Amino acid sequence: MEGDERENVEARITCLRNIQTLMDAAVMQMQHYTQIAPLIRDIPKEKPSSRTTKQQDIDTLLKPTQKQSSDLLEGAVGYTPPPEVQQILDEESKTSQADKDELSEIRRRRLEKLETVKD
């Protein structure tokens, strides 16, 4: 009887880990969507005449916005961005670090799950 209870508890824990993995994936997708959604509104309404124009639009959307903003600020020699802009850039870099940490955590959980499935 004790063995059955233990198996049931282990099955529940496995189920909860699967749910947690799915929730993490959903959160990541929502974060990607919130990053891309404002950029989609900036796409011109006219239809591009060639496929290369479409590819250029896609490439523009996929470029990190932080890189684009830093390229604009580095145009002048000796330019120092205002404190507000520097603060925004610092916050963006912290956010990207948090995203990387979150991705590594999700990868770690997936590896743990695969290891438990193999056993």
C-alpha atoms as a PDB file:
ATOM      1  CA  MET A   1       0.000   0.000   0.000  1.00  0.00           C
ATOM      2  CA  GLU A   2       2.843   2.371   0.824  1.00  0.00           C
ATOM      3  CA  GLY A   3       4.425   1.688  -2.568  1.00  0.00           C
ATOM      4  CA  ASP A   4       1.197   2.632  -4.344  1.00  0.00           C
ATOM      5  CA  GLU A   5       0.999   5.921  -2.447  1.00  0.00           C
ATOM      6  CA  ARG A   6       4.586   6.711  -3.315  1.00  0.00           C
ATOM      7  CA  GLU A   7       3.955   6.002  -7.005  1.00  0.00           C
ATOM      8  CA  ASN A   8       0.890   8.249  -6.928  1.00  0.00           C
ATOM      9  CA  VAL A   9       2.850  11.087  -5.315  1.00  0.00           C
ATOM     10  CA  GLU A  10       5.665  10.691  -7.863  1.00  0.00           C
ATOM     11  CA  ALA A  11       3.130  10.761 -10.702  1.00  0.00           C
ATOM     12  CA  ARG A  12       1.601  13.964  -9.323  1.00  0.00           C
ATOM     13  CA  ILE A  13       5.022  15.581  -8.998  1.00  0.00           C
ATOM     14  CA  THR A  14       5.853  14.604 -12.582  1.00  0.00           C
ATOM     15  CA  CYS A  15       2.544  16.043 -13.753  1.00  0.00           C
ATOM     16  CA  LEU A  16       3.176  19.299 -11.896  1.00  0.00           C
ATOM     17  CA  ARG A  17       6.655  19.573 -13.421  1.00  0.00           C
ATOM     18  CA  ASN A  18       5.160  19.102 -16.878  1.00  0.00           C
ATOM     19  CA  ILE A  19       2.616  21.829 -16.177  1.00  0.00           C
ATOM     20  CA  GLN A  20       5.373  24.118 -14.930  1.00  0.00           C
ATOM     21  CA  THR A  21       7.410  23.507 -18.096  1.00  0.00           C
ATOM     22  CA  LEU A  22       4.391  24.313 -20.262  1.00  0.00           C
ATOM     23  CA  MET A  23       3.718  27.480 -18.271  1.00  0.00           C
ATOM     24  CA  ASP A  24       7.348  28.574 -18.642  1.00  0.00           C
ATOM     25  CA  ALA A  25       7.126  28.057 -22.388  1.00  0.00           C
ATOM     26  CA  ALA A  26       3.899  30.082 -22.546  1.00  0.00           C
ATOM     27  CA  VAL A  27       5.499  32.935 -20.601  1.00  0.00           C
ATOM     28  CA  MET A  28       8.463  32.964 -22.977  1.00  0.00           C
ATOM     29  CA  GLN A  29       6.146  33.093 -25.991  1.00  0.00           C
ATOM     30  CA  MET A  30       4.222  35.996 -24.469  1.00  0.00           C
ATOM     31  CA  GLN A  31       7.468  37.861 -23.822  1.00  0.00           C
ATOM     32  CA  HIS A  32       8.524  37.374 -27.431  1.00  0.00           C
ATOM     33  CA  TYR A  33       5.112  38.543 -28.602  1.00  0.00           C
ATOM     34  CA  THR A  34       5.224  41.690 -26.467  1.00  0.00           C
ATOM     35  CA  GLN A  35       8.650  42.503 -27.916  1.00  0.00           C
ATOM     36  CA  ILE A  36       7.554  41.986 -31.520  1.00  0.00           C
ATOM     37  CA  ALA A  37       4.009  43.429 -31.367  1.00  0.00           C
ATOM     38  CA  PRO A  38       5.044  47.122 -31.226  1.00  0.00           C
ATOM     39  CA  LEU A  39       7.365  46.604 -34.185  1.00  0.00           C
ATOM     40  CA  ILE A  40       4.624  45.055 -36.309  1.00  0.00           C
ATOM     41  CA  ARG A  41       2.571  48.247 -36.056  1.00  0.00           C
ATOM     42  CA  ASP A  42       5.470  50.148 -37.665  1.00  0.00           C
ATOM     43  CA  ILE A  43       5.389  48.080 -40.865  1.00  0.00           C
ATOM     44  CA  PRO A  44       4.103  50.147 -43.805  1.00  0.00           C
ATOM     45  CA  LYS A  45       0.619  49.270 -45.085  1.00  0.00           C
ATOM     46  CA  GLU A  46       1.680  49.148 -48.753  1.00  0.00           C
ATOM     47  CA  LYS A  47       2.522  45.804 -50.273  1.00  0.00           C
ATOM     48  CA  PRO A  48       6.200  45.292 -51.132  1.00  0.00           C
ATOM     49  CA  SER A  49       6.901  44.740 -54.812  1.00  0.00           C
ATOM     50  CA  SER A  50       9.493  42.005 -54.395  1.00  0.00           C
ATOM     51  CA  ARG A  51      10.361  39.144 -52.109  1.00  0.00           C
ATOM     52  CA  THR A  52      13.656  40.752 -51.102  1.00  0.00           C
ATOM     53  CA  THR A  53      11.745  43.689 -49.641  1.00  0.00           C
ATOM     54  CA  LYS A  54       9.698  41.279 -47.527  1.00  0.00           C
ATOM     55  CA  GLN A  55      12.881  39.591 -46.343  1.00  0.00           C
ATOM     56  CA  GLN A  56      14.380  42.977 -45.446  1.00  0.00           C
ATOM     57  CA  ASP A  57      11.252  43.836 -43.441  1.00  0.00           C
ATOM     58  CA  ILE A  58      11.494  40.547 -41.576  1.00  0.00           C
ATOM     59  CA  ASP A  59      15.191  41.091 -40.890  1.00  0.00           C
ATOM     60  CA  THR A  60      14.424  44.573 -39.579  1.00  0.00           C
ATOM     61  CA  LEU A  61      11.798  43.162 -37.216  1.00  0.00           C
ATOM     62  CA  LEU A  62      14.092  40.472 -35.920  1.00  0.00           C
ATOM     63  CA  LYS A  63      17.013  42.781 -35.109  1.00  0.00           C
ATOM     64  CA  PRO A  64      17.305  43.615 -31.419  1.00  0.00           C
ATOM     65  CA  THR A  65      15.938  47.059 -30.636  1.00  0.00           C
ATOM     66  CA  GLN A  66      18.747  47.764 -28.177  1.00  0.00           C
ATOM     67  CA  LYS A  67      21.337  47.431 -30.926  1.00  0.00           C
ATOM     68  CA  GLN A  68      19.395  49.820 -33.154  1.00  0.00           C
ATOM     69  CA  SER A  69      19.125  52.437 -30.415  1.00  0.00           C
ATOM     70  CA  SER A  70      22.797  52.130 -29.470  1.00  0.00           C
ATOM     71  CA  ASP A  71      23.792  52.535 -33.145  1.00  0.00           C
ATOM     72  CA  LEU A  72      21.880  55.813 -33.238  1.00  0.00           C
ATOM     73  CA  LEU A  73      23.597  57.082 -30.102  1.00  0.00           C
ATOM     74  CA  GLU A  74      27.105  56.192 -31.241  1.00  0.00           C
ATOM     75  CA  GLY A  75      26.915  58.367 -34.361  1.00  0.00           C
ATOM     76  CA  ALA A  76      28.821  61.347 -32.934  1.00  0.00           C
ATOM     77  CA  VAL A  77      32.346  61.190 -31.595  1.00  0.00           C
ATOM     78  CA  GLY A  78      32.478  61.923 -27.882  1.00  0.00           C
ATOM     79  CA  TYR A  79      28.703  61.828 -27.530  1.00  0.00           C
ATOM     80  CA  THR A  80      27.437  61.038 -24.069  1.00  0.00           C
ATOM     81  CA  PRO A  81      23.788  59.958 -23.889  1.00  0.00           C
ATOM     82  CA  PRO A  82      21.549  61.777 -21.418  1.00  0.00           C
ATOM     83  CA  PRO A  83      21.112  60.006 -18.063  1.00  0.00           C
ATOM     84  CA  GLU A  84      17.533  59.021 -18.928  1.00  0.00           C
ATOM     85  CA  VAL A  85      18.629  57.260 -22.112  1.00  0.00           C
ATOM     86  CA  GLN A  86      21.540  55.567 -20.365  1.00  0.00           C
ATOM     87  CA  GLN A  87      19.195  54.355 -17.634  1.00  0.00           C
ATOM     88  CA  ILE A  88      16.822  52.896 -20.229  1.00  0.00           C
ATOM     89  CA  LEU A  89      19.710  51.131 -21.980  1.00  0.00           C
ATOM     90  CA  ASP A  90      20.946  49.727 -18.665  1.00  0.00           C
ATOM     91  CA  GLU A  91      17.459  48.419 -17.826  1.00  0.00           C
ATOM     92  CA  GLU A  92      17.213  46.767 -21.242  1.00  0.00           C
ATOM     93  CA  SER A  93      20.535  44.999 -20.726  1.00  0.00           C
ATOM     94  CA  LYS A  94      19.396  43.797 -17.286  1.00  0.00           C
ATOM     95  CA  THR A  95      16.168  42.518 -18.830  1.00  0.00           C
ATOM     96  CA  SER A  96      18.058  40.628 -21.520  1.00  0.00           C
ATOM     97  CA  GLN A  97      20.251  39.055 -18.823  1.00  0.00           C
ATOM     98  CA  ALA A  98      17.117  38.011 -16.920  1.00  0.00           C
ATOM     99  CA  ASP A  99      15.739  36.465 -20.126  1.00  0.00           C
ATOM    100  CA  LYS A 100      18.974  34.500 -20.584  1.00  0.00           C
ATOM    101  CA  ASP A 101      18.807  33.278 -16.984  1.00  0.00           C
ATOM    102  CA  GLU A 102      15.196  32.238 -17.495  1.00  0.00           C
ATOM    103  CA  LEU A 103      16.081  30.363 -20.688  1.00  0.00           C
ATOM    104  CA  SER A 104      18.904  28.518 -18.961  1.00  0.00           C
ATOM    105  CA  GLU A 105      16.534  27.565 -16.133  1.00  0.00           C
ATOM    106  CA  ILE A 106      14.016  26.190 -18.634  1.00  0.00           C
ATOM    107  CA  ARG A 107      16.769  24.215 -20.386  1.00  0.00           C
ATOM    108  CA  ARG A 108      17.924  22.795 -17.061  1.00  0.00           C
ATOM    109  CA  ARG A 109      14.385  21.682 -16.202  1.00  0.00           C
ATOM    110  CA  ARG A 110      13.954  20.029 -19.584  1.00  0.00           C
ATOM    111  CA  LEU A 111      17.215  18.145 -19.154  1.00  0.00           C
ATOM    112  CA  GLU A 112      16.129  16.982 -15.700  1.00  0.00           C
ATOM    113  CA  LYS A 113      12.842  15.821 -17.155  1.00  0.00           C
ATOM    114  CA  LEU A 114      14.579  13.895 -19.939  1.00  0.00           C
ATOM    115  CA  GLU A 115      16.924  12.265 -17.438  1.00  0.00           C
ATOM    116  CA  THR A 116      14.003  11.130 -15.271  1.00  0.00           C
ATOM    117  CA  VAL A 117      12.159   9.777 -18.323  1.00  0.00           C
ATOM    118  CA  LYS A 118      15.222   7.700 -19.334  1.00  0.00           C
ATOM    119  CA  ASP A 119      15.445   6.118 -15.880  1.00  0.00           C
END
